[in-house]
Amino acid sequence: MINQTQPQFVSNQEDFDQFIQQHQDVTWLGFDTEFIGENRLIPLLCLIQISSEHGIFLIDPIALKDISPLLAWFEDPNILKITHAGNNDYALLYALYTTKPKNVFDVQIAAGFLGHPYPVGFQRMIKSVLGRSIGKAASITDWSIRPLSEKQLVYAADDVRHLYDLWDIFSATLKDKKMYDWAQEEFKLMVHKATVSSNWKEEFFKFKQLPKLHTNEKLLILRLLQWRAQQATEKNISKDAIFPQKMLMEVVKNIKQSKNEISKHRLLNRSKVKRNWSLFKDFWAKSDKSDEEKEMLKIVSNIKRKSPEENLRYAFLKLMIKQRCYEYGIPDSLVVNGMGLSNPILENFPEALTSGWRGKMLGPTLVDWLTHKSPLNFEFEKESCVVTRRR
């Protein structure tokens, strides 16, 4: 369907206007982006790759002042957008332009419904489905430098060159297997998740170590997460560039130490820690709680470790989910993707797992078992194990 294989680099207004005019009647677009996200709160968008029946086009958003006509296509429900793992691309479009794409088809998700590993890399997918090979030599490169090298242009073009062929195969197979509507539901969910900004409160509630902490330690984590989010916004750099989340527990465990003592700590003797240690100590020492802090601590105050019986029930039902996934040939990593089953404040299986296409796949009986917290009885016989719910 692509008429030319040599990509066209679009970096001035005249070429962009011609590109827009050439695509007035476009019905589908392959789409990808290249960006630099290191040490930035919002990544720098460096390149937008587009494939269509007219060819492959590499749009330079650094050089072009206004790409709103292209953004309008992303939001046009009459134009199909084909991506591979497009959630990062959609999140970036939303962060930069508040663009929410409509009518998308993600080949990585589609492949998962058809029994491929999830998530599956693009290079591997191209090889297994189309029998073609693409290079990845320029995957880690500085996309902001101009001019782009020939190797970069080839790499960027290859990221969209095969999307239509994958869509053609996957969409037909999904319809044959009666899974097309399920995949469509998941595509929309992917876009929704990508265009809803996560915040420090969500990070707090998902903090895996919360059940192990006492109230003052939880409060310190809460204040550290809020502080780094505010700093990231003010400086327009990533939250981990302000302070790595993986270091937060080390701060909690060592907060009673002096700055001199932590300077000798193998994991904490870094500039970010020493520079902010007095502030961290202030967070710890401050006894007054805001109304917001009180409310958040109240929510997590009842976190408790699951009993052995609850752990057994939870483990068994997760195994039943895997078994149902096996029956349908769908990797369980796709089914539980984003469900947060390790969230410490999660008291039961989330509603998202028991509704929509997931609920249909799991079936009403298993959904009922997942929804209710009834203890389970296990009776082992010579050739079988009978599991019943204890009323």
Protein backbone atom coordinates (compact mmCIF):
# COMPACT_ATOMS: atom_id res chain seq x y z
CA MET A 1 0.00 0.00 0.00
CA ILE A 2 3.00 2.37 0.38
CA ASN A 3 3.90 3.79 -3.01
CA GLN A 4 7.47 4.79 -2.20
CA THR A 5 10.05 3.39 0.15
CA GLN A 6 12.42 6.38 0.39
CA PRO A 7 11.21 8.60 3.24
CA GLN A 8 10.54 12.27 2.66
CA PHE A 9 11.94 14.58 5.34
CA VAL A 10 9.49 17.41 6.02
CA SER A 11 11.21 20.30 7.80
CA ASN A 12 9.82 23.50 6.29
CA GLN A 13 6.38 25.02 5.98
CA GLU A 14 6.17 24.60 2.20
CA ASP A 15 6.86 20.85 2.37
CA PHE A 16 4.49 20.47 5.31
CA ASP A 17 1.68 22.27 3.48
CA GLN A 18 2.25 19.99 0.49
CA PHE A 19 2.17 16.95 2.78
CA ILE A 20 -1.16 18.09 4.25
CA GLN A 21 -2.63 18.79 0.83
CA GLN A 22 -1.50 15.42 -0.50
CA HIS A 23 -3.32 13.68 2.36
CA GLN A 24 -6.68 15.45 2.26
CA ASP A 25 -8.51 12.19 1.60
CA VAL A 26 -6.35 9.99 3.83
CA THR A 27 -8.14 7.09 5.53
CA TRP A 28 -5.25 5.55 7.51
CA LEU A 29 -1.89 6.55 8.93
CA GLY A 30 0.97 4.56 10.43
CA PHE A 31 2.35 6.60 13.26
CA ASP A 32 5.38 6.73 15.56
CA THR A 33 7.55 9.35 17.28
CA GLU A 34 11.13 9.83 18.35
CA PHE A 35 11.76 11.85 21.48
CA ILE A 36 14.29 12.53 24.21
CA GLY A 37 12.96 11.95 27.70
CA GLU A 38 16.09 11.84 29.85
CA ASN A 39 16.06 14.44 32.64
CA ARG A 40 12.90 16.08 31.32
CA LEU A 41 9.43 16.13 32.87
CA ILE A 42 7.91 16.35 29.37
CA PRO A 43 10.07 14.70 26.69
CA LEU A 44 11.33 16.71 23.73
CA LEU A 45 9.47 15.63 20.60
CA CYS A 46 12.10 15.34 17.87
CA LEU A 47 10.42 13.50 15.00
CA ILE A 48 7.00 12.27 13.89
CA GLN A 49 7.02 9.36 11.45
CA ILE A 50 4.00 8.88 9.22
CA SER A 51 3.27 6.16 6.69
CA SER A 52 0.32 6.27 4.33
CA GLU A 53 -0.66 5.09 0.88
CA HIS A 54 1.37 8.04 -0.41
CA GLY A 55 4.64 6.98 1.20
CA ILE A 56 6.69 7.56 4.33
CA PHE A 57 7.09 11.04 5.76
CA LEU A 58 9.37 12.19 8.58
CA ILE A 59 7.91 15.35 10.10
CA ASP A 60 10.31 17.64 11.96
CA PRO A 61 8.40 19.25 14.88
CA ILE A 62 11.56 21.06 15.99
CA ALA A 63 11.72 23.05 12.74
CA LEU A 64 7.96 23.45 12.15
CA LYS A 65 6.10 26.05 14.20
CA ASP A 66 2.58 24.72 13.67
CA ILE A 67 1.62 21.07 13.12
CA SER A 68 -2.03 21.50 14.13
CA PRO A 69 -3.41 20.05 10.84
CA LEU A 70 -1.59 16.79 11.59
CA LEU A 71 -2.80 16.83 15.20
CA ALA A 72 -6.36 17.21 13.92
CA TRP A 73 -5.93 13.98 11.94
CA PHE A 74 -4.95 12.15 15.12
CA GLU A 75 -8.25 13.21 16.67
CA ASP A 76 -10.31 12.47 13.54
CA PRO A 77 -12.38 9.30 14.17
CA ASN A 78 -12.63 8.70 10.43
CA ILE A 79 -8.87 8.23 10.03
CA LEU A 80 -7.33 4.99 11.32
CA LYS A 81 -4.09 5.43 13.26
CA ILE A 82 -1.84 2.35 13.38
CA THR A 83 0.87 2.16 16.05
CA HIS A 84 3.13 -0.25 17.89
CA ALA A 85 3.14 0.34 21.68
CA GLY A 86 1.62 3.73 21.00
CA ASN A 87 0.90 4.62 24.62
CA ASN A 88 4.10 6.66 25.01
CA ASP A 89 3.41 8.49 21.75
CA TYR A 90 -0.15 9.30 22.77
CA ALA A 91 0.99 10.43 26.23
CA LEU A 92 3.49 12.80 24.64
CA LEU A 93 0.94 14.25 22.21
CA TYR A 94 -1.40 14.85 25.12
CA ALA A 95 1.28 16.43 27.30
CA LEU A 96 2.41 18.79 24.53
CA TYR A 97 -0.82 19.55 22.67
CA THR A 98 -3.70 18.01 24.76
CA THR A 99 -4.34 15.80 21.70
CA LYS A 100 -6.42 12.67 22.36
CA PRO A 101 -6.18 10.31 19.37
CA LYS A 102 -9.28 8.48 18.20
CA ASN A 103 -9.71 5.34 16.06
CA VAL A 104 -6.39 3.72 16.88
CA PHE A 105 -5.13 0.21 16.24
CA ASP A 106 -2.09 -0.90 18.21
CA VAL A 107 -0.33 -3.88 16.66
CA GLN A 108 1.40 -4.85 19.93
CA ILE A 109 -1.94 -5.23 21.70
CA ALA A 110 -3.47 -6.95 18.68
CA ALA A 111 -0.59 -9.44 18.63
CA GLY A 112 -1.26 -10.23 22.28
CA PHE A 113 -4.86 -11.15 21.53
CA LEU A 114 -3.56 -13.49 18.86
CA GLY A 115 -1.24 -15.43 21.13
CA HIS A 116 2.04 -13.55 20.69
CA PRO A 117 4.03 -12.70 23.83
CA TYR A 118 3.00 -9.45 25.46
CA PRO A 119 4.61 -7.06 25.18
CA VAL A 120 6.42 -8.12 22.00
CA GLY A 121 9.13 -5.97 20.45
CA PHE A 122 8.60 -4.52 17.00
CA GLN A 123 11.65 -6.15 15.45
CA ARG A 124 10.60 -9.58 16.69
CA MET A 125 7.02 -9.05 15.52
CA ILE A 126 8.09 -8.03 12.02
CA LYS A 127 10.28 -11.12 11.75
CA SER A 128 7.70 -13.63 13.04
CA VAL A 129 4.63 -12.23 11.25
CA LEU A 130 6.01 -10.82 8.00
CA GLY A 131 9.33 -12.66 7.71
CA ARG A 132 11.16 -9.35 7.30
CA SER A 133 14.10 -7.86 9.16
CA ILE A 134 14.66 -4.32 10.33
CA GLY A 135 17.70 -2.81 11.99
CA LYS A 136 17.74 -1.20 15.43
CA ALA A 137 21.19 0.39 15.25
CA ALA A 138 19.86 3.91 15.81
CA SER A 139 17.43 3.13 18.61
CA ILE A 140 19.54 4.97 21.21
CA THR A 141 20.61 8.18 19.56
CA ASP A 142 20.23 11.94 19.89
CA TRP A 143 17.23 12.74 17.72
CA SER A 144 17.47 16.49 18.37
CA ILE A 145 20.67 16.95 16.37
CA ARG A 146 20.32 18.16 12.78
CA PRO A 147 20.98 17.01 10.17
CA LEU A 148 19.83 13.49 10.92
CA SER A 149 22.10 10.78 9.59
CA GLU A 150 21.12 8.32 6.88
CA LYS A 151 21.12 5.56 9.50
CA GLN A 152 18.68 7.55 11.64
CA LEU A 153 16.38 8.20 8.69
CA VAL A 154 16.29 4.51 7.75
CA TYR A 155 15.60 3.50 11.34
CA ALA A 156 12.81 6.06 11.71
CA ALA A 157 11.19 5.04 8.43
CA ASP A 158 11.29 1.34 9.34
CA ASP A 159 9.27 2.06 12.48
CA VAL A 160 6.22 2.86 10.33
CA ARG A 161 6.98 1.07 7.06
CA HIS A 162 5.34 -2.25 8.02
CA LEU A 163 2.46 -1.07 10.21
CA TYR A 164 -0.19 -1.29 7.50
CA ASP A 165 0.76 -4.86 6.58
CA LEU A 166 0.56 -5.87 10.25
CA TRP A 167 -2.83 -4.18 10.61
CA ASP A 168 -4.08 -5.95 7.48
CA ILE A 169 -3.18 -9.39 8.90
CA PHE A 170 -4.10 -8.76 12.53
CA SER A 171 -7.46 -7.07 11.93
CA ALA A 172 -8.65 -9.90 9.69
CA THR A 173 -7.50 -12.56 12.16
CA LEU A 174 -9.09 -10.76 15.12
CA LYS A 175 -12.41 -10.70 13.26
CA ASP A 176 -12.11 -14.38 12.41
CA LYS A 177 -11.52 -15.19 16.10
CA LYS A 178 -14.36 -12.90 17.23
CA MET A 179 -11.88 -10.80 19.21
CA TYR A 180 -11.93 -7.59 17.18
CA ASP A 181 -14.31 -5.81 19.56
CA TRP A 182 -12.20 -6.91 22.53
CA ALA A 183 -9.09 -5.44 20.93
CA GLN A 184 -10.91 -2.21 20.09
CA GLU A 185 -11.91 -1.88 23.72
CA GLU A 186 -8.30 -2.30 24.78
CA PHE A 187 -7.07 0.25 22.21
CA LYS A 188 -9.42 2.86 23.68
CA LEU A 189 -8.32 1.98 27.19
CA MET A 190 -4.68 2.40 26.18
CA VAL A 191 -5.35 5.91 24.87
CA HIS A 192 -7.35 6.78 27.98
CA LYS A 193 -4.54 5.69 30.31
CA ALA A 194 -1.97 7.53 28.21
CA THR A 195 -3.91 10.80 28.35
CA VAL A 196 -4.67 10.78 32.08
CA SER A 197 -1.76 12.26 33.97
CA SER A 198 -0.56 10.28 36.98
CA ASN A 199 0.25 12.30 40.07
CA TRP A 200 2.15 11.94 43.31
CA LYS A 201 -0.97 10.81 45.18
CA GLU A 202 -1.30 7.77 42.90
CA GLU A 203 2.39 7.05 43.43
CA PHE A 204 1.79 7.13 47.18
CA PHE A 205 -1.13 4.72 47.09
CA LYS A 206 0.84 2.35 44.84
CA PHE A 207 3.99 2.47 46.97
CA LYS A 208 4.68 -1.22 47.55
CA GLN A 209 6.36 -0.86 50.92
CA LEU A 210 3.45 0.99 52.60
CA PRO A 211 2.25 -2.04 54.61
CA LYS A 212 5.69 -2.25 56.25
CA LEU A 213 5.74 1.38 57.43
CA HIS A 214 4.37 3.03 60.53
CA THR A 215 2.39 6.28 60.31
CA ASN A 216 5.32 8.72 60.52
CA GLU A 217 7.21 6.81 57.85
CA LYS A 218 4.18 6.83 55.56
CA LEU A 219 3.91 10.57 56.10
CA LEU A 220 7.56 11.04 55.14
CA ILE A 221 7.05 9.06 51.93
CA LEU A 222 3.99 11.15 51.16
CA ARG A 223 5.90 14.41 51.62
CA LEU A 224 8.90 13.21 49.62
CA LEU A 225 6.69 12.22 46.68
CA GLN A 226 4.85 15.54 46.76
CA TRP A 227 8.12 17.48 46.97
CA ARG A 228 9.76 15.75 44.02
CA ALA A 229 6.62 16.17 41.88
CA GLN A 230 6.52 19.90 42.60
CA GLN A 231 10.23 20.28 41.87
CA ALA A 232 9.89 18.35 38.61
CA THR A 233 7.07 20.63 37.48
CA GLU A 234 8.95 23.82 38.36
CA LYS A 235 12.17 22.72 36.67
CA ASN A 236 10.58 20.77 33.78
CA ILE A 237 12.68 17.70 34.41
CA SER A 238 11.72 14.15 35.31
CA LYS A 239 10.77 13.26 38.87
CA ASP A 240 13.54 10.67 39.00
CA ALA A 241 16.02 13.37 37.96
CA ILE A 242 14.91 15.32 41.03
CA PHE A 243 15.17 12.24 43.25
CA PRO A 244 14.95 8.56 42.23
CA GLN A 245 11.88 6.83 43.62
CA LYS A 246 13.92 3.70 44.32
CA MET A 247 15.95 5.72 46.87
CA LEU A 248 12.95 6.78 48.96
CA MET A 249 12.99 3.74 51.22
CA GLU A 250 16.68 4.28 51.95
CA VAL A 251 15.81 7.80 53.08
CA VAL A 252 13.09 6.45 55.36
CA LYS A 253 15.37 3.80 56.85
CA ASN A 254 18.14 6.32 57.54
CA ILE A 255 16.22 9.51 58.29
CA LYS A 256 17.43 9.62 61.91
CA GLN A 257 21.05 9.79 60.75
CA SER A 258 22.94 13.06 60.46
CA LYS A 259 24.16 14.48 57.16
CA ASN A 260 27.68 13.47 58.14
CA GLU A 261 26.55 9.90 58.81
CA ILE A 262 24.63 9.51 55.57
CA SER A 263 27.62 10.84 53.63
CA LYS A 264 29.30 7.55 54.57
CA HIS A 265 26.32 5.46 53.48
CA ARG A 266 27.14 3.55 50.30
CA LEU A 267 23.69 4.09 48.76
CA LEU A 268 23.01 7.57 50.09
CA ASN A 269 26.31 9.41 49.76
CA ARG A 270 25.22 11.15 46.59
CA SER A 271 24.89 14.84 45.88
CA LYS A 272 21.09 14.78 45.66
CA VAL A 273 20.80 13.25 49.11
CA LYS A 274 23.38 15.44 50.84
CA ARG A 275 22.02 18.58 49.22
CA ASN A 276 18.46 17.88 50.40
CA TRP A 277 19.09 16.02 53.66
CA SER A 278 18.22 18.99 55.88
CA LEU A 279 14.92 19.36 54.01
CA PHE A 280 14.20 15.64 54.42
CA LYS A 281 14.89 15.94 58.13
CA ASP A 282 12.41 18.84 58.28
CA PHE A 283 9.77 16.69 56.58
CA TRP A 284 10.37 14.06 59.24
CA ALA A 285 10.33 16.46 62.17
CA LYS A 286 7.19 18.37 61.14
CA SER A 287 4.40 16.98 63.31
CA ASP A 288 1.50 19.09 62.00
CA LYS A 289 -0.44 17.38 59.23
CA SER A 290 -2.48 19.12 56.57
CA ASP A 291 -6.08 18.04 56.00
CA GLU A 292 -4.97 16.42 52.74
CA GLU A 293 -2.26 14.45 54.53
CA LYS A 294 -4.68 13.33 57.21
CA GLU A 295 -7.13 12.09 54.59
CA MET A 296 -4.48 10.17 52.64
CA LEU A 297 -3.08 8.57 55.78
CA LYS A 298 -6.61 7.58 56.78
CA ILE A 299 -7.08 5.76 53.48
CA VAL A 300 -3.97 3.65 54.00
CA SER A 301 -4.34 3.25 57.76
CA ASN A 302 -6.14 -0.07 57.44
CA ILE A 303 -3.54 -1.73 55.26
CA LYS A 304 -2.74 -5.10 56.72
CA ARG A 305 -0.94 -8.15 55.58
CA LYS A 306 -3.13 -10.85 54.10
CA SER A 307 -3.66 -13.88 56.28
CA PRO A 308 -2.30 -17.24 55.05
CA GLU A 309 -5.85 -18.19 54.07
CA GLU A 310 -6.31 -14.93 52.13
CA ASN A 311 -2.98 -15.43 50.41
CA LEU A 312 -4.02 -18.94 49.38
CA ARG A 313 -7.32 -17.70 47.96
CA TYR A 314 -5.60 -14.85 46.14
CA ALA A 315 -2.92 -17.14 44.66
CA PHE A 316 -5.48 -19.73 43.57
CA LEU A 317 -7.69 -17.19 41.82
CA LYS A 318 -4.71 -15.66 40.03
CA LEU A 319 -3.86 -19.17 38.84
CA MET A 320 -7.43 -19.54 37.54
CA ILE A 321 -7.00 -16.29 35.61
CA LYS A 322 -3.84 -17.73 34.02
CA GLN A 323 -5.70 -20.92 33.17
CA ARG A 324 -8.49 -19.00 31.42
CA CYS A 325 -5.92 -16.94 29.52
CA TYR A 326 -4.30 -20.18 28.38
CA GLU A 327 -7.66 -21.44 27.09
CA TYR A 328 -8.13 -18.31 24.98
CA GLY A 329 -4.49 -18.13 23.86
CA ILE A 330 -4.09 -14.64 25.34
CA PRO A 331 -0.99 -13.95 27.47
CA ASP A 332 -1.95 -13.20 31.05
CA SER A 333 0.46 -10.25 30.97
CA LEU A 334 -2.01 -8.53 28.63
CA VAL A 335 -5.04 -9.41 30.73
CA VAL A 336 -3.63 -8.08 34.01
CA ASN A 337 -1.75 -5.19 32.34
CA GLY A 338 -2.18 -2.09 34.49
CA MET A 339 -4.43 -3.87 36.98
CA GLY A 340 -2.08 -3.13 39.88
CA LEU A 341 -2.51 -6.55 41.49
CA SER A 342 0.49 -5.83 43.74
CA ASN A 343 -0.97 -2.54 45.00
CA PRO A 344 -0.79 -2.75 48.82
CA ILE A 345 -4.15 -1.04 49.38
CA LEU A 346 -5.92 -3.32 46.91
CA GLU A 347 -8.35 -5.35 49.02
CA ASN A 348 -9.79 -7.36 46.16
CA PHE A 349 -9.37 -7.92 42.46
CA PRO A 350 -10.07 -4.62 40.65
CA GLU A 351 -13.34 -4.01 38.84
CA ALA A 352 -11.45 -3.41 35.59
CA LEU A 353 -10.40 -7.08 35.67
CA THR A 354 -13.97 -8.33 36.02
CA SER A 355 -15.70 -6.09 33.47
CA GLY A 356 -15.53 -5.41 29.75
CA TRP A 357 -13.77 -7.93 27.53
CA ARG A 358 -11.81 -9.27 30.49
CA GLY A 359 -15.01 -10.14 32.33
CA LYS A 360 -16.39 -11.84 29.23
CA MET A 361 -13.24 -13.89 28.82
CA LEU A 362 -13.07 -14.93 32.47
CA GLY A 363 -16.77 -15.85 32.51
CA PRO A 364 -19.48 -15.15 35.10
CA THR A 365 -18.47 -17.88 37.56
CA LEU A 366 -14.84 -16.84 37.84
CA VAL A 367 -15.85 -13.17 37.93
CA ASP A 368 -18.16 -13.96 40.83
CA TRP A 369 -15.34 -15.75 42.66
CA LEU A 370 -13.00 -12.80 42.03
CA THR A 371 -15.59 -10.31 43.23
CA HIS A 372 -16.44 -12.00 46.53
CA LYS A 373 -13.91 -12.68 49.23
CA SER A 374 -15.30 -16.02 50.29
CA PRO A 375 -12.71 -18.43 51.73
CA LEU A 376 -12.08 -21.57 49.70
CA ASN A 377 -12.15 -25.23 50.63
CA PHE A 378 -9.77 -27.67 48.93
CA GLU A 379 -10.57 -31.37 48.93
CA PHE A 380 -7.93 -33.61 47.38
CA GLU A 381 -9.03 -36.88 45.84
CA LYS A 382 -7.04 -39.53 44.04
CA GLU A 383 -7.43 -38.04 40.54
CA SER A 384 -8.75 -34.57 41.27
CA CYS A 385 -8.92 -31.58 43.58
CA VAL A 386 -12.37 -30.15 44.34
CA VAL A 387 -12.44 -26.46 45.20
CA THR A 388 -15.58 -24.95 46.72
CA ARG A 389 -16.47 -21.58 48.20
CA ARG A 390 -17.13 -21.50 51.89
CA ARG A 391 -20.36 -19.63 52.49
